Amino acid sequence: MSCIMGSGLIGFGLIPAVCILGVKASLSPLKVDEFPLHRDMAGYAIILATTLFFCASGSVSMLESGILIMLWFVYLLIVVSCVGNANREDAASNHGGGGGEKGRLQN
């Protein structure tokens, strides 16, 4: 359990904080979409809270394990659907005009 919590603290506490400090110190601002950060932090918090709740009794049952696996698959589906939507939006913006070489080759 300590490995999971330590990994989460580094992954969701230290790394974003260092990135924010790096962006503030740099000359050019870094444009980052906030949704993936908030999505990942919320997913991690929900799964971690559920894990801690289940571990409070001293053991984790098969049903509780199944619930944790189901939560992970729900999170995975959300991530994959968000990436798919972002890829479709990028493709639409690339085909939306501009008339460059890429547009001529595909027409």
N, C-alpha and C. Protein backbone atom coordinates (compact mmCIF):
# COMPACT_ATOMS: atom_id res chain seq x y z
N MET A 1 0.82 -1.18 0.00
CA MET A 1 0.00 0.00 0.00
C MET A 1 0.87 1.26 0.00
N SER A 2 1.97 1.21 0.73
CA SER A 2 2.83 2.40 0.78
C SER A 2 3.46 2.68 -0.58
N CYS A 3 3.74 1.64 -1.36
CA CYS A 3 4.29 1.84 -2.71
C CYS A 3 3.28 2.54 -3.60
N ILE A 4 2.02 2.15 -3.51
CA ILE A 4 0.98 2.76 -4.32
C ILE A 4 0.83 4.23 -3.97
N MET A 5 0.77 4.50 -2.67
CA MET A 5 0.58 5.89 -2.24
C MET A 5 1.81 6.74 -2.55
N GLY A 6 3.00 6.18 -2.37
CA GLY A 6 4.21 6.92 -2.69
C GLY A 6 4.32 7.23 -4.17
N SER A 7 3.97 6.26 -4.99
CA SER A 7 3.99 6.46 -6.43
C SER A 7 3.00 7.54 -6.84
N GLY A 8 1.83 7.51 -6.23
CA GLY A 8 0.82 8.51 -6.54
C GLY A 8 1.23 9.90 -6.11
N LEU A 9 1.87 10.00 -4.96
CA LEU A 9 2.32 11.31 -4.49
C LEU A 9 3.36 11.90 -5.44
N ILE A 10 4.24 11.06 -5.94
CA ILE A 10 5.24 11.54 -6.89
C ILE A 10 4.58 11.88 -8.22
N GLY A 11 3.74 10.96 -8.71
CA GLY A 11 3.13 11.14 -10.02
C GLY A 11 2.13 12.29 -10.10
N PHE A 12 1.38 12.49 -9.04
CA PHE A 12 0.33 13.51 -9.09
C PHE A 12 0.61 14.71 -8.19
N GLY A 13 1.68 14.67 -7.43
CA GLY A 13 2.03 15.80 -6.58
C GLY A 13 3.31 16.48 -7.00
N LEU A 14 4.38 15.72 -7.06
CA LEU A 14 5.69 16.30 -7.34
C LEU A 14 5.86 16.69 -8.80
N ILE A 15 5.54 15.78 -9.71
CA ILE A 15 5.79 16.04 -11.14
C ILE A 15 4.99 17.24 -11.65
N PRO A 16 3.66 17.33 -11.40
CA PRO A 16 2.95 18.54 -11.86
C PRO A 16 3.48 19.82 -11.22
N ALA A 17 3.85 19.75 -9.94
CA ALA A 17 4.36 20.95 -9.27
C ALA A 17 5.67 21.41 -9.91
N VAL A 18 6.56 20.49 -10.21
CA VAL A 18 7.83 20.84 -10.85
C VAL A 18 7.59 21.41 -12.26
N CYS A 19 6.63 20.82 -12.97
CA CYS A 19 6.30 21.33 -14.31
C CYS A 19 5.76 22.75 -14.24
N ILE A 20 4.89 23.01 -13.26
CA ILE A 20 4.34 24.35 -13.10
C ILE A 20 5.45 25.35 -12.77
N LEU A 21 6.35 24.95 -11.87
CA LEU A 21 7.47 25.84 -11.53
C LEU A 21 8.36 26.09 -12.74
N GLY A 22 8.58 25.05 -13.54
CA GLY A 22 9.39 25.20 -14.74
C GLY A 22 8.76 26.14 -15.76
N VAL A 23 7.44 26.05 -15.89
CA VAL A 23 6.73 26.92 -16.83
C VAL A 23 6.78 28.36 -16.33
N LYS A 24 6.60 28.56 -15.03
CA LYS A 24 6.65 29.92 -14.49
C LYS A 24 8.04 30.53 -14.67
N ALA A 25 9.07 29.70 -14.61
CA ALA A 25 10.44 30.20 -14.73
C ALA A 25 10.87 30.40 -16.18
N SER A 26 10.18 29.77 -17.11
CA SER A 26 10.59 29.88 -18.52
C SER A 26 10.11 31.20 -19.11
N LEU A 27 10.68 31.53 -20.24
CA LEU A 27 10.32 32.78 -20.90
C LEU A 27 9.03 32.65 -21.69
N SER A 28 8.77 31.49 -22.24
CA SER A 28 7.55 31.31 -23.03
C SER A 28 6.57 30.42 -22.27
N PRO A 29 5.32 30.82 -22.22
CA PRO A 29 4.33 30.02 -21.47
C PRO A 29 4.04 28.70 -22.19
N LEU A 30 3.81 27.69 -21.41
CA LEU A 30 3.46 26.37 -21.92
C LEU A 30 1.95 26.24 -21.92
N LYS A 31 1.38 25.96 -23.07
CA LYS A 31 -0.07 25.81 -23.16
C LYS A 31 -0.41 24.33 -22.95
N VAL A 32 -1.14 24.08 -21.88
CA VAL A 32 -1.50 22.71 -21.52
C VAL A 32 -3.01 22.64 -21.35
N ASP A 33 -3.60 21.60 -21.91
CA ASP A 33 -5.02 21.37 -21.71
C ASP A 33 -5.22 20.86 -20.29
N GLU A 34 -6.07 21.51 -19.54
CA GLU A 34 -6.26 21.15 -18.14
C GLU A 34 -7.10 19.90 -17.95
N PHE A 35 -7.95 19.57 -18.91
CA PHE A 35 -8.86 18.45 -18.73
C PHE A 35 -8.15 17.13 -18.44
N PRO A 36 -7.10 16.74 -19.20
CA PRO A 36 -6.44 15.47 -18.89
C PRO A 36 -5.84 15.42 -17.49
N LEU A 37 -5.30 16.54 -17.04
CA LEU A 37 -4.73 16.58 -15.69
C LEU A 37 -5.81 16.37 -14.64
N HIS A 38 -6.91 17.08 -14.78
CA HIS A 38 -8.01 16.94 -13.82
C HIS A 38 -8.65 15.55 -13.91
N ARG A 39 -8.78 15.02 -15.12
CA ARG A 39 -9.34 13.68 -15.30
C ARG A 39 -8.48 12.63 -14.60
N ASP A 40 -7.18 12.71 -14.81
CA ASP A 40 -6.27 11.72 -14.20
C ASP A 40 -6.22 11.86 -12.69
N MET A 41 -6.20 13.09 -12.21
CA MET A 41 -6.17 13.29 -10.75
C MET A 41 -7.46 12.80 -10.10
N ALA A 42 -8.59 13.07 -10.73
CA ALA A 42 -9.87 12.60 -10.18
C ALA A 42 -9.94 11.07 -10.21
N GLY A 43 -9.52 10.48 -11.32
CA GLY A 43 -9.51 9.02 -11.41
C GLY A 43 -8.62 8.39 -10.36
N TYR A 44 -7.44 8.95 -10.18
CA TYR A 44 -6.52 8.42 -9.18
C TYR A 44 -7.10 8.57 -7.78
N ALA A 45 -7.68 9.74 -7.49
CA ALA A 45 -8.25 9.98 -6.16
C ALA A 45 -9.40 9.03 -5.86
N ILE A 46 -10.26 8.80 -6.84
CA ILE A 46 -11.41 7.91 -6.64
C ILE A 46 -10.93 6.48 -6.39
N ILE A 47 -10.01 6.01 -7.22
CA ILE A 47 -9.53 4.63 -7.07
C ILE A 47 -8.73 4.48 -5.78
N LEU A 48 -7.91 5.46 -5.43
CA LEU A 48 -7.14 5.39 -4.19
C LEU A 48 -8.05 5.40 -2.97
N ALA A 49 -9.07 6.27 -2.98
CA ALA A 49 -10.00 6.33 -1.85
C ALA A 49 -10.76 5.01 -1.71
N THR A 50 -11.15 4.44 -2.83
CA THR A 50 -11.84 3.14 -2.80
C THR A 50 -10.92 2.06 -2.27
N THR A 51 -9.67 2.06 -2.70
CA THR A 51 -8.70 1.07 -2.21
C THR A 51 -8.50 1.21 -0.71
N LEU A 52 -8.32 2.44 -0.23
CA LEU A 52 -8.14 2.65 1.20
C LEU A 52 -9.38 2.22 1.99
N PHE A 53 -10.56 2.50 1.46
CA PHE A 53 -11.80 2.10 2.12
C PHE A 53 -11.87 0.58 2.23
N PHE A 54 -11.53 -0.11 1.15
CA PHE A 54 -11.58 -1.58 1.17
C PHE A 54 -10.50 -2.17 2.08
N CYS A 55 -9.34 -1.53 2.15
CA CYS A 55 -8.25 -2.05 2.97
C CYS A 55 -8.42 -1.76 4.45
N ALA A 56 -9.35 -0.90 4.80
CA ALA A 56 -9.55 -0.53 6.21
C ALA A 56 -9.96 -1.73 7.06
N SER A 57 -10.62 -2.71 6.44
CA SER A 57 -11.06 -3.89 7.19
C SER A 57 -9.92 -4.87 7.44
N GLY A 58 -8.80 -4.69 6.79
CA GLY A 58 -7.66 -5.58 6.97
C GLY A 58 -7.48 -6.58 5.86
N SER A 59 -8.51 -6.79 5.05
CA SER A 59 -8.40 -7.69 3.89
C SER A 59 -9.34 -7.20 2.80
N VAL A 60 -9.06 -7.63 1.58
CA VAL A 60 -9.86 -7.24 0.42
C VAL A 60 -10.51 -8.49 -0.14
N SER A 61 -11.84 -8.47 -0.25
CA SER A 61 -12.57 -9.63 -0.75
C SER A 61 -12.51 -9.69 -2.27
N MET A 62 -12.98 -10.78 -2.82
CA MET A 62 -13.02 -10.93 -4.28
C MET A 62 -13.96 -9.90 -4.89
N LEU A 63 -15.08 -9.63 -4.23
CA LEU A 63 -16.02 -8.63 -4.73
C LEU A 63 -15.36 -7.25 -4.76
N GLU A 64 -14.67 -6.90 -3.70
CA GLU A 64 -13.99 -5.60 -3.65
C GLU A 64 -12.90 -5.51 -4.71
N SER A 65 -12.19 -6.62 -4.92
CA SER A 65 -11.17 -6.65 -5.98
C SER A 65 -11.82 -6.44 -7.34
N GLY A 66 -12.95 -7.08 -7.55
CA GLY A 66 -13.67 -6.91 -8.81
C GLY A 66 -14.13 -5.48 -9.02
N ILE A 67 -14.57 -4.83 -7.94
CA ILE A 67 -14.98 -3.43 -8.03
C ILE A 67 -13.80 -2.56 -8.42
N LEU A 68 -12.64 -2.80 -7.83
CA LEU A 68 -11.45 -2.01 -8.17
C LEU A 68 -11.05 -2.22 -9.63
N ILE A 69 -11.12 -3.45 -10.10
CA ILE A 69 -10.79 -3.72 -11.51
C ILE A 69 -11.79 -3.04 -12.42
N MET A 70 -13.09 -3.08 -12.05
CA MET A 70 -14.12 -2.42 -12.85
C MET A 70 -13.88 -0.91 -12.90
N LEU A 71 -13.51 -0.31 -11.76
CA LEU A 71 -13.21 1.13 -11.74
C LEU A 71 -12.04 1.46 -12.67
N TRP A 72 -11.04 0.59 -12.68
CA TRP A 72 -9.88 0.83 -13.55
C TRP A 72 -10.29 0.75 -15.02
N PHE A 73 -11.15 -0.22 -15.37
CA PHE A 73 -11.61 -0.33 -16.76
C PHE A 73 -12.47 0.88 -17.15
N VAL A 74 -13.29 1.38 -16.25
CA VAL A 74 -14.08 2.59 -16.53
C VAL A 74 -13.14 3.76 -16.79
N TYR A 75 -12.12 3.92 -15.95
CA TYR A 75 -11.13 4.98 -16.15
C TYR A 75 -10.42 4.81 -17.50
N LEU A 76 -10.04 3.59 -17.81
CA LEU A 76 -9.37 3.31 -19.08
C LEU A 76 -10.25 3.66 -20.27
N LEU A 77 -11.53 3.31 -20.20
CA LEU A 77 -12.45 3.65 -21.29
C LEU A 77 -12.59 5.16 -21.45
N ILE A 78 -12.62 5.87 -20.33
CA ILE A 78 -12.71 7.34 -20.39
C ILE A 78 -11.47 7.92 -21.06
N VAL A 79 -10.30 7.43 -20.69
CA VAL A 79 -9.04 7.92 -21.27
C VAL A 79 -9.01 7.63 -22.77
N VAL A 80 -9.35 6.41 -23.16
CA VAL A 80 -9.31 6.04 -24.58
C VAL A 80 -10.32 6.84 -25.39
N SER A 81 -11.51 7.06 -24.84
CA SER A 81 -12.51 7.85 -25.58
C SER A 81 -12.08 9.30 -25.71
N CYS A 82 -11.42 9.84 -24.70
CA CYS A 82 -10.93 11.22 -24.78
C CYS A 82 -9.83 11.35 -25.82
N VAL A 83 -8.94 10.38 -25.89
CA VAL A 83 -7.86 10.41 -26.88
C VAL A 83 -8.45 10.27 -28.28
N GLY A 84 -9.44 9.40 -28.45
CA GLY A 84 -10.09 9.25 -29.75
C GLY A 84 -10.77 10.52 -30.19
N ASN A 85 -11.44 11.22 -29.27
CA ASN A 85 -12.09 12.48 -29.60
C ASN A 85 -11.07 13.54 -29.98
N ALA A 86 -9.96 13.60 -29.26
CA ALA A 86 -8.91 14.58 -29.56
C ALA A 86 -8.31 14.31 -30.94
N ASN A 87 -8.09 13.03 -31.27
CA ASN A 87 -7.54 12.70 -32.58
C ASN A 87 -8.50 13.08 -33.70
N ARG A 88 -9.81 12.87 -33.49
CA ARG A 88 -10.79 13.25 -34.51
C ARG A 88 -10.84 14.76 -34.67
N GLU A 89 -10.73 15.50 -33.57
CA GLU A 89 -10.73 16.96 -33.66
C GLU A 89 -9.49 17.46 -34.39
N ASP A 90 -8.33 16.85 -34.12
CA ASP A 90 -7.11 17.24 -34.81
C ASP A 90 -7.22 16.96 -36.30
N ALA A 91 -7.77 15.81 -36.65
CA ALA A 91 -7.92 15.45 -38.06
C ALA A 91 -8.87 16.42 -38.75
N ALA A 92 -9.94 16.80 -38.06
CA ALA A 92 -10.90 17.73 -38.65
C ALA A 92 -10.26 19.10 -38.85
N SER A 93 -9.46 19.55 -37.90
CA SER A 93 -8.82 20.86 -38.05
C SER A 93 -7.75 20.83 -39.14
N ASN A 94 -7.09 19.69 -39.35
CA ASN A 94 -6.09 19.58 -40.41
C ASN A 94 -6.72 19.54 -41.79
N HIS A 95 -7.95 19.03 -41.89
CA HIS A 95 -8.63 18.95 -43.18
C HIS A 95 -9.54 20.14 -43.43
N GLY A 96 -9.58 21.06 -42.49
CA GLY A 96 -10.53 22.15 -42.57
C GLY A 96 -10.15 23.27 -43.51
N GLY A 97 -9.26 23.10 -44.38
CA GLY A 97 -8.88 24.19 -45.29
C GLY A 97 -7.39 24.36 -45.27
N GLY A 98 -6.96 25.55 -45.41
CA GLY A 98 -5.54 25.83 -45.40
C GLY A 98 -4.92 25.65 -46.76
N GLY A 99 -5.40 24.69 -47.55
CA GLY A 99 -4.96 24.52 -48.92
C GLY A 99 -3.51 24.15 -49.08
N GLY A 100 -2.90 23.60 -48.06
CA GLY A 100 -1.49 23.24 -48.17
C GLY A 100 -1.30 21.97 -48.99
N GLU A 101 -0.07 21.51 -49.05
CA GLU A 101 0.29 20.33 -49.81
C GLU A 101 -0.49 19.11 -49.32
N LYS A 102 -0.65 19.01 -48.03
CA LYS A 102 -1.36 17.86 -47.47
C LYS A 102 -2.80 17.83 -47.95
N GLY A 103 -3.47 18.98 -47.98
CA GLY A 103 -4.85 19.05 -48.44
C GLY A 103 -4.97 18.69 -49.91
N ARG A 104 -4.03 19.09 -50.75
CA ARG A 104 -4.08 18.78 -52.18
C ARG A 104 -3.86 17.31 -52.42
N LEU A 105 -2.99 16.67 -51.65
CA LEU A 105 -2.74 15.26 -51.87
C LEU A 105 -3.93 14.40 -51.49
N GLN A 106 -4.72 14.83 -50.54
CA GLN A 106 -5.85 14.02 -50.11
C GLN A 106 -7.10 14.26 -50.92
N ASN A 107 -7.17 15.32 -51.68
CA ASN A 107 -8.40 15.62 -52.47
C ASN A 107 -8.41 14.90 -53.76
